[in-house]
C-alpha atoms as a PDB file:
ATOM      1  CA  MET A   1      -6.223   4.565  -5.105  1.00  0.00           C
ATOM      2  CA  THR A   2      -6.419   6.675  -1.800  1.00  0.00           C
ATOM      3  CA  THR A   3      -3.359   8.467  -0.737  1.00  0.00           C
ATOM      4  CA  MET A   4      -2.630   8.337   2.960  1.00  0.00           C
ATOM      5  CA  ALA A   5      -1.449  11.566   4.573  1.00  0.00           C
ATOM      6  CA  ILE A   6      -0.598   9.789   7.977  1.00  0.00           C
ATOM      7  CA  GLN A   7       0.294   6.147   8.506  1.00  0.00           C
ATOM      8  CA  GLY A   8       1.280   4.553  11.751  1.00  0.00           C
ATOM      9  CA  LYS A   9       2.127   0.987  12.646  1.00  0.00           C
ATOM     10  CA  GLY A  10       2.621  -0.582  15.961  1.00  0.00           C
ATOM     11  CA  LEU A  11       3.177   2.698  17.886  1.00  0.00           C
ATOM     12  CA  VAL A  12       3.776   2.449  21.528  1.00  0.00           C
ATOM     13  CA  LYS A  13       4.127   5.187  24.134  1.00  0.00           C
ATOM     14  CA  ARG A  14       4.140   4.738  27.881  1.00  0.00           C
ATOM     15  CA  TYR A  15       3.964   7.295  30.776  1.00  0.00           C
ATOM     16  CA  GLY A  16       5.407   5.351  33.625  1.00  0.00           C
ATOM     17  CA  ARG A  17       3.570   1.956  33.693  1.00  0.00           C
ATOM     18  CA  ARG A  18       0.600   3.384  31.791  1.00  0.00           C
ATOM     19  CA  HIS A  19       0.280   2.834  27.943  1.00  0.00           C
ATOM     20  CA  ALA A  20      -0.923   5.950  26.203  1.00  0.00           C
ATOM     21  CA  LEU A  21      -0.667   4.061  22.845  1.00  0.00           C
ATOM     22  CA  ASN A  22      -0.235   0.342  22.760  1.00  0.00           C
ATOM     23  CA  GLU A  23       0.471  -1.213  19.370  1.00  0.00           C
ATOM     24  CA  PHE A  24      -1.526   1.636  17.664  1.00  0.00           C
ATOM     25  CA  ASP A  25      -2.169   1.322  13.993  1.00  0.00           C
ATOM     26  CA  ILE A  26      -3.660   4.156  11.977  1.00  0.00           C
ATOM     27  CA  ALA A  27      -4.080   5.388   8.445  1.00  0.00           C
ATOM     28  CA  ILE A  28      -5.608   8.719   7.617  1.00  0.00           C
ATOM     29  CA  PRO A  29      -6.550   9.734   4.069  1.00  0.00           C
ATOM     30  CA  GLU A  30      -5.163  12.855   2.405  1.00  0.00           C
ATOM     31  CA  HIS A  31      -7.476  15.932   2.083  1.00  0.00           C
ATOM     32  CA  ALA A  32     -10.083  14.513   4.454  1.00  0.00           C
ATOM     33  CA  VAL A  33     -11.431  16.059   7.598  1.00  0.00           C
ATOM     34  CA  THR A  34     -10.871  13.332  10.243  1.00  0.00           C
ATOM     35  CA  ALA A  35     -12.313  13.011  13.674  1.00  0.00           C
ATOM     36  CA  ILE A  36     -10.034  11.647  16.420  1.00  0.00           C
ATOM     37  CA  LEU A  37     -12.408  10.418  18.998  1.00  0.00           C
ATOM     38  CA  GLY A  38     -12.300   8.635  22.421  1.00  0.00           C
ATOM     39  CA  PRO A  39     -12.721   9.315  26.168  1.00  0.00           C
ATOM     40  CA  ASN A  40     -10.091  11.247  28.144  1.00  0.00           C
ATOM     41  CA  GLY A  41      -6.896   9.259  28.493  1.00  0.00           C
ATOM     42  CA  SER A  42      -7.508   7.114  25.406  1.00  0.00           C
ATOM     43  CA  GLY A  43      -4.370   8.451  23.700  1.00  0.00           C
ATOM     44  CA  LYS A  44      -5.763  11.038  21.461  1.00  0.00           C
ATOM     45  CA  SER A  45      -3.316  13.838  22.562  1.00  0.00           C
ATOM     46  CA  THR A  46      -0.415  11.681  22.521  1.00  0.00           C
ATOM     47  CA  PHE A  47      -0.986  10.719  19.062  1.00  0.00           C
ATOM     48  CA  MET A  48      -1.426  14.323  17.957  1.00  0.00           C
ATOM     49  CA  ARG A  49       1.840  15.319  19.635  1.00  0.00           C
ATOM     50  CA  MET A  50       3.542  12.540  17.894  1.00  0.00           C
ATOM     51  CA  LEU A  51       2.532  14.083  14.498  1.00  0.00           C
ATOM     52  CA  THR A  52       4.588  17.246  15.364  1.00  0.00           C
ATOM     53  CA  ALA A  53       7.533  15.399  17.051  1.00  0.00           C
ATOM     54  CA  LEU A  54       6.663  16.759  20.565  1.00  0.00           C
ATOM     55  CA  VAL A  55       6.316  13.100  21.695  1.00  0.00           C
ATOM     56  CA  ARG A  56       8.444  10.274  20.247  1.00  0.00           C
ATOM     57  CA  PRO A  57       7.192   6.691  19.994  1.00  0.00           C
ATOM     58  CA  GLU A  58       9.061   4.010  21.924  1.00  0.00           C
ATOM     59  CA  ARG A  59       8.304   1.539  19.081  1.00  0.00           C
ATOM     60  CA  GLY A  60       6.612   1.639  15.895  1.00  0.00           C
ATOM     61  CA  SER A  61       6.816   3.616  12.689  1.00  0.00           C
ATOM     62  CA  LEU A  62       5.097   6.938  11.718  1.00  0.00           C
ATOM     63  CA  THR A  63       4.990   8.972   8.609  1.00  0.00           C
ATOM     64  CA  VAL A  64       3.329  12.326   8.201  1.00  0.00           C
ATOM     65  CA  LEU A  65       2.894  13.678   4.691  1.00  0.00           C
ATOM     66  CA  GLY A  66       5.483  11.070   3.597  1.00  0.00           C
ATOM     67  CA  GLU A  67       8.085  11.947   6.114  1.00  0.00           C
ATOM     68  CA  ARG A  68       9.165  11.012   9.707  1.00  0.00           C
ATOM     69  CA  PRO A  69       7.921  13.640  12.236  1.00  0.00           C
ATOM     70  CA  SER A  70      10.626  16.339  12.761  1.00  0.00           C
ATOM     71  CA  TRP A  71      10.901  20.076  13.633  1.00  0.00           C
ATOM     72  CA  GLN A  72      11.630  20.598   9.945  1.00  0.00           C
ATOM     73  CA  LEU A  73       8.207  18.876   8.972  1.00  0.00           C
ATOM     74  CA  ASN A  74       6.429  21.155  11.349  1.00  0.00           C
ATOM     75  CA  ARG A  75       6.612  23.929   8.806  1.00  0.00           C
ATOM     76  CA  LYS A  76       3.909  22.027   6.880  1.00  0.00           C
ATOM     77  CA  ILE A  77       1.744  21.611  10.038  1.00  0.00           C
ATOM     78  CA  ALA A  78      -0.613  24.045  11.730  1.00  0.00           C
ATOM     79  CA  TYR A  79      -1.055  22.630  15.275  1.00  0.00           C
ATOM     80  CA  LEU A  80      -3.480  23.791  17.955  1.00  0.00           C
ATOM     81  CA  PRO A  81      -2.659  22.016  21.280  1.00  0.00           C
ATOM     82  CA  ASP A  82      -5.240  21.318  23.829  1.00  0.00           C
ATOM     83  CA  ARG A  83      -3.616  23.585  26.472  1.00  0.00           C
ATOM     84  CA  ALA A  84      -2.180  26.524  24.542  1.00  0.00           C
ATOM     85  CA  ARG A  85      -2.312  29.997  25.937  1.00  0.00           C
ATOM     86  CA  TRP A  86      -1.279  33.456  25.023  1.00  0.00           C
ATOM     87  CA  TYR A  87       0.516  36.068  27.174  1.00  0.00           C
ATOM     88  CA  GLU A  88      -2.112  38.114  28.988  1.00  0.00           C
ATOM     89  CA  SER A  89      -0.770  41.460  27.767  1.00  0.00           C
ATOM     90  CA  GLN A  90      -0.752  40.315  24.032  1.00  0.00           C
ATOM     91  CA  THR A  91      -3.397  41.952  21.725  1.00  0.00           C
ATOM     92  CA  VAL A  92      -5.079  40.471  18.775  1.00  0.00           C
ATOM     93  CA  ALA A  93      -2.984  42.733  16.428  1.00  0.00           C
ATOM     94  CA  GLU A  94       0.214  41.437  18.139  1.00  0.00           C
ATOM     95  CA  ALA A  95      -0.862  37.821  17.568  1.00  0.00           C
ATOM     96  CA  VAL A  96      -1.343  38.464  13.983  1.00  0.00           C
ATOM     97  CA  GLU A  97       2.157  40.271  13.730  1.00  0.00           C
ATOM     98  CA  TRP A  98       3.710  37.262  15.553  1.00  0.00           C
ATOM     99  CA  GLY A  99       2.148  34.781  12.978  1.00  0.00           C
ATOM    100  CA  THR A 100       3.216  36.908  10.120  1.00  0.00           C
ATOM    101  CA  ASN A 101       6.819  36.958  11.229  1.00  0.00           C
ATOM    102  CA  LEU A 102       7.180  33.413  12.534  1.00  0.00           C
ATOM    103  CA  LEU A 103       4.677  30.917  11.071  1.00  0.00           C
ATOM    104  CA  PRO A 104       5.309  29.405   7.586  1.00  0.00           C
ATOM    105  CA  GLY A 105       2.458  29.911   5.249  1.00  0.00           C
ATOM    106  CA  PHE A 106       0.654  32.509   7.476  1.00  0.00           C
ATOM    107  CA  ASP A 107      -1.587  34.899   5.480  1.00  0.00           C
ATOM    108  CA  PRO A 108      -2.281  38.052   7.639  1.00  0.00           C
ATOM    109  CA  ASN A 109      -5.106  39.165   5.385  1.00  0.00           C
ATOM    110  CA  ARG A 110      -6.808  35.779   5.820  1.00  0.00           C
ATOM    111  CA  ALA A 111      -6.174  36.079   9.652  1.00  0.00           C
ATOM    112  CA  TRP A 112      -8.109  39.368   9.841  1.00  0.00           C
ATOM    113  CA  GLN A 113     -10.978  38.058   7.734  1.00  0.00           C
ATOM    114  CA  ILE A 114     -11.377  35.089  10.163  1.00  0.00           C
ATOM    115  CA  LEU A 115     -10.823  37.359  13.259  1.00  0.00           C
ATOM    116  CA  GLU A 116     -13.520  39.573  12.085  1.00  0.00           C
ATOM    117  CA  SER A 117     -15.998  36.694  11.439  1.00  0.00           C
ATOM    118  CA  LEU A 118     -15.171  35.485  14.973  1.00  0.00           C
ATOM    119  CA  GLY A 119     -15.882  38.804  16.538  1.00  0.00           C
ATOM    120  CA  LEU A 120     -12.446  39.790  17.558  1.00  0.00           C
ATOM    121  CA  GLU A 121     -10.954  43.225  17.379  1.00  0.00           C
ATOM    122  CA  ALA A 122      -7.321  44.466  16.875  1.00  0.00           C
ATOM    123  CA  ASP A 123      -6.987  46.104  20.267  1.00  0.00           C
ATOM    124  CA  MET A 124      -8.347  43.331  22.388  1.00  0.00           C
ATOM    125  CA  GLU A 125      -6.035  42.080  24.941  1.00  0.00           C
ATOM    126  CA  VAL A 126      -5.829  38.327  25.938  1.00  0.00           C
ATOM    127  CA  GLY A 127      -5.995  39.248  29.660  1.00  0.00           C
ATOM    128  CA  GLY A 128      -9.509  40.637  29.171  1.00  0.00           C
ATOM    129  CA  MET A 129     -10.837  37.938  26.896  1.00  0.00           C
ATOM    130  CA  SER A 130     -13.236  35.040  27.907  1.00  0.00           C
ATOM    131  CA  LYS A 131     -11.890  31.494  27.450  1.00  0.00           C
ATOM    132  CA  GLY A 132     -14.105  31.310  24.282  1.00  0.00           C
ATOM    133  CA  GLN A 133     -12.551  34.530  22.865  1.00  0.00           C
ATOM    134  CA  GLU A 134      -9.059  33.249  23.522  1.00  0.00           C
ATOM    135  CA  ALA A 135      -9.853  29.953  21.826  1.00  0.00           C
ATOM    136  CA  ARG A 136     -11.200  31.801  18.741  1.00  0.00           C
ATOM    137  CA  LEU A 137      -7.948  33.717  18.535  1.00  0.00           C
ATOM    138  CA  MET A 138      -5.922  30.578  18.684  1.00  0.00           C
ATOM    139  CA  LEU A 139      -8.077  29.017  15.919  1.00  0.00           C
ATOM    140  CA  ALA A 140      -7.863  32.057  13.621  1.00  0.00           C
ATOM    141  CA  VAL A 141      -3.905  31.945  13.710  1.00  0.00           C
ATOM    142  CA  CYS A 142      -4.170  28.258  12.777  1.00  0.00           C
ATOM    143  CA  LEU A 143      -6.613  28.692  10.027  1.00  0.00           C
ATOM    144  CA  ALA A 144      -4.690  31.529   8.551  1.00  0.00           C
ATOM    145  CA  ARG A 145      -1.881  29.247   7.584  1.00  0.00           C
ATOM    146  CA  ASP A 146      -1.781  27.737   4.066  1.00  0.00           C
ATOM    147  CA  VAL A 147      -0.074  24.338   4.968  1.00  0.00           C
ATOM    148  CA  PRO A 148      -0.918  20.783   4.027  1.00  0.00           C
ATOM    149  CA  LEU A 149      -1.880  19.569   7.492  1.00  0.00           C
ATOM    150  CA  LEU A 150      -4.108  21.163  10.221  1.00  0.00           C
ATOM    151  CA  VAL A 151      -4.111  19.453  13.676  1.00  0.00           C
ATOM    152  CA  LEU A 152      -6.706  20.605  16.160  1.00  0.00           C
ATOM    153  CA  ASP A 153      -6.666  18.993  19.547  1.00  0.00           C
ATOM    154  CA  GLU A 154      -9.947  19.911  21.537  1.00  0.00           C
ATOM    155  CA  PRO A 155     -10.526  23.264  19.936  1.00  0.00           C
ATOM    156  CA  PHE A 156     -13.949  23.453  21.676  1.00  0.00           C
ATOM    157  CA  SER A 157     -12.978  22.292  25.104  1.00  0.00           C
ATOM    158  CA  GLY A 158     -14.650  24.264  27.877  1.00  0.00           C
ATOM    159  CA  ILE A 159     -15.897  27.145  25.901  1.00  0.00           C
ATOM    160  CA  ASP A 160     -19.392  28.613  25.472  1.00  0.00           C
ATOM    161  CA  MET A 161     -22.043  27.547  23.005  1.00  0.00           C
ATOM    162  CA  ILE A 162     -21.844  30.881  21.065  1.00  0.00           C
ATOM    163  CA  SER A 163     -18.110  30.468  20.659  1.00  0.00           C
ATOM    164  CA  ARG A 164     -18.386  26.913  19.608  1.00  0.00           C
ATOM    165  CA  GLU A 165     -20.927  27.909  16.807  1.00  0.00           C
ATOM    166  CA  ARG A 166     -18.641  30.595  15.468  1.00  0.00           C
ATOM    167  CA  ILE A 167     -15.677  28.332  15.442  1.00  0.00           C
ATOM    168  CA  ILE A 168     -17.565  25.620  13.659  1.00  0.00           C
ATOM    169  CA  SER A 169     -18.802  28.168  11.078  1.00  0.00           C
ATOM    170  CA  ALA A 170     -15.161  29.356  10.557  1.00  0.00           C
ATOM    171  CA  LEU A 171     -14.119  25.785  10.107  1.00  0.00           C
ATOM    172  CA  ILE A 172     -16.705  24.997   7.514  1.00  0.00           C
ATOM    173  CA  ASP A 173     -15.700  28.193   5.545  1.00  0.00           C
ATOM    174  CA  ASN A 174     -12.039  27.378   5.778  1.00  0.00           C
ATOM    175  CA  PHE A 175     -12.500  23.496   4.646  1.00  0.00           C
ATOM    176  CA  SER A 176     -14.614  24.624   1.694  1.00  0.00           C
ATOM    177  CA  GLU A 177     -11.814  26.828   0.345  1.00  0.00           C
ATOM    178  CA  ARG A 178      -8.720  24.724   0.819  1.00  0.00           C
ATOM    179  CA  ARG A 179      -7.641  21.146   0.152  1.00  0.00           C
ATOM    180  CA  GLN A 180      -5.993  20.439   3.489  1.00  0.00           C
ATOM    181  CA  THR A 181      -5.708  17.223   5.629  1.00  0.00           C
ATOM    182  CA  VAL A 182      -7.433  18.056   8.884  1.00  0.00           C
ATOM    183  CA  LEU A 183      -7.518  16.222  12.132  1.00  0.00           C
ATOM    184  CA  ILE A 184      -9.862  17.288  14.973  1.00  0.00           C
ATOM    185  CA  SER A 185      -9.939  15.763  18.375  1.00  0.00           C
ATOM    186  CA  THR A 186     -13.259  16.603  20.152  1.00  0.00           C
ATOM    187  CA  HIS A 187     -15.888  15.413  22.571  1.00  0.00           C
ATOM    188  CA  GLU A 188     -18.479  17.735  20.946  1.00  0.00           C
ATOM    189  CA  ILE A 189     -19.638  15.110  18.475  1.00  0.00           C
ATOM    190  CA  ALA A 190     -23.228  16.215  17.943  1.00  0.00           C
ATOM    191  CA  GLU A 191     -22.387  19.702  16.958  1.00  0.00           C
ATOM    192  CA  THR A 192     -19.416  18.773  14.834  1.00  0.00           C
ATOM    193  CA  GLU A 193     -20.461  15.535  13.142  1.00  0.00           C
ATOM    194  CA  SER A 194     -21.264  17.215   9.832  1.00  0.00           C
ATOM    195  CA  LEU A 195     -17.591  18.473   9.426  1.00  0.00           C
ATOM    196  CA  PHE A 196     -16.131  14.882   9.270  1.00  0.00           C
ATOM    197  CA  ASP A 197     -15.231  12.805   6.275  1.00  0.00           C
ATOM    198  CA  TYR A 198     -13.502  10.125   8.164  1.00  0.00           C
ATOM    199  CA  ALA A 199     -13.375   9.066  11.791  1.00  0.00           C
ATOM    200  CA  VAL A 200     -10.935   7.092  14.101  1.00  0.00           C
ATOM    201  CA  PHE A 201     -12.204   5.766  17.469  1.00  0.00           C
ATOM    202  CA  ILE A 202      -9.407   5.232  19.916  1.00  0.00           C
ATOM    203  CA  ARG A 203      -9.791   3.015  23.103  1.00  0.00           C
ATOM    204  CA  ASP A 204      -7.092   2.165  25.631  1.00  0.00           C
ATOM    205  CA  GLY A 205      -4.381   3.138  23.186  1.00  0.00           C
ATOM    206  CA  HIS A 206      -5.718   1.089  20.329  1.00  0.00           C
ATOM    207  CA  ALA A 207      -7.655   2.099  17.225  1.00  0.00           C
ATOM    208  CA  ALA A 208     -10.961   0.433  18.049  1.00  0.00           C
ATOM    209  CA  LEU A 209     -12.677   1.386  14.803  1.00  0.00           C
ATOM    210  CA  SER A 210     -11.966   3.718  11.683  1.00  0.00           C
ATOM    211  CA  GLY A 211     -13.546   4.397   8.371  1.00  0.00           C
ATOM    212  CA  TYR A 212     -15.253   6.941   6.199  1.00  0.00           C
ATOM    213  CA  VAL A 213     -18.141   8.525   8.113  1.00  0.00           C
ATOM    214  CA  GLU A 214     -20.586   7.892   5.228  1.00  0.00           C
ATOM    215  CA  ASP A 215     -19.751   4.056   5.384  1.00  0.00           C
ATOM    216  CA  LEU A 216     -19.868   4.009   9.105  1.00  0.00           C
ATOM    217  CA  ARG A 217     -23.256   5.661   9.097  1.00  0.00           C
ATOM    218  CA  ALA A 218     -24.594   3.131   6.720  1.00  0.00           C
ATOM    219  CA  GLU A 219     -23.319   0.159   8.805  1.00  0.00           C
ATOM    220  CA  ARG A 220     -23.772   1.412  12.398  1.00  0.00           C
ATOM    221  CA  GLY A 221     -25.590   4.710  12.679  1.00  0.00           C
ATOM    222  CA  SER A 222     -24.413   8.191  13.414  1.00  0.00           C
ATOM    223  CA  VAL A 223     -21.033   9.055  14.797  1.00  0.00           C
ATOM    224  CA  GLN A 224     -22.496   9.994  18.015  1.00  0.00           C
ATOM    225  CA  ASP A 225     -24.405   6.567  18.070  1.00  0.00           C
ATOM    226  CA  ILE A 226     -21.168   4.718  17.406  1.00  0.00           C
ATOM    227  CA  TYR A 227     -19.503   6.545  20.204  1.00  0.00           C
ATOM    228  CA  ARG A 228     -22.061   5.506  22.594  1.00  0.00           C
ATOM    229  CA  GLN A 229     -21.737   1.896  21.437  1.00  0.00           C
ATOM    230  CA  LEU A 230     -17.979   1.786  21.997  1.00  0.00           C
ATOM    231  CA  TYR A 231     -17.645   3.688  25.222  1.00  0.00           C
ATOM    232  CA  MET A 232     -20.827   3.713  27.187  1.00  0.00           C
END
């Protein structure tokens, strides 16, 4: 029997009169790499913020790793938000020191291994980085944490092709070494489809379709094809 890492039932969240999530039901299996897919405004980021208690549902129930979302539970979650930034004067070395001192499960040795593979050096300052380099730094800090749940909200947004390739390579290496539950929200479906075990397609605050990628491909074609069918 499949164990679910995340279960949500009837989740509702509004911003003004607009529903970000509207009677949203979801179940995400443990130890799977799950794609959270949908157009802008479909509710993806709202759902991911709910997992870390940054957003509270107005109605419905949500459990994450068997618990209700809370600041205490966040010790078990590595979260990469879609609009995260470092201070411009921070160096890569200072980012690793920050992670070592403040983030549960952070392994500095692993962080340096990932940073080297992503082409980042200790004395590089954020203020002199490209957007792609800064995104690589954010990702390295997340991947260096040995926690049960990894949540990545648009880790490839607006960055160059070389950075995307390096990030995907780092993700593949990380997933092969650890048994984590991983959620990735992305629009870069063609480049990332091979990462996914499970997929959830969100439309207008509802889960329009979900399932194991292997089963979905057998029934409806590639993940990219299904995306086109649902949204185009």
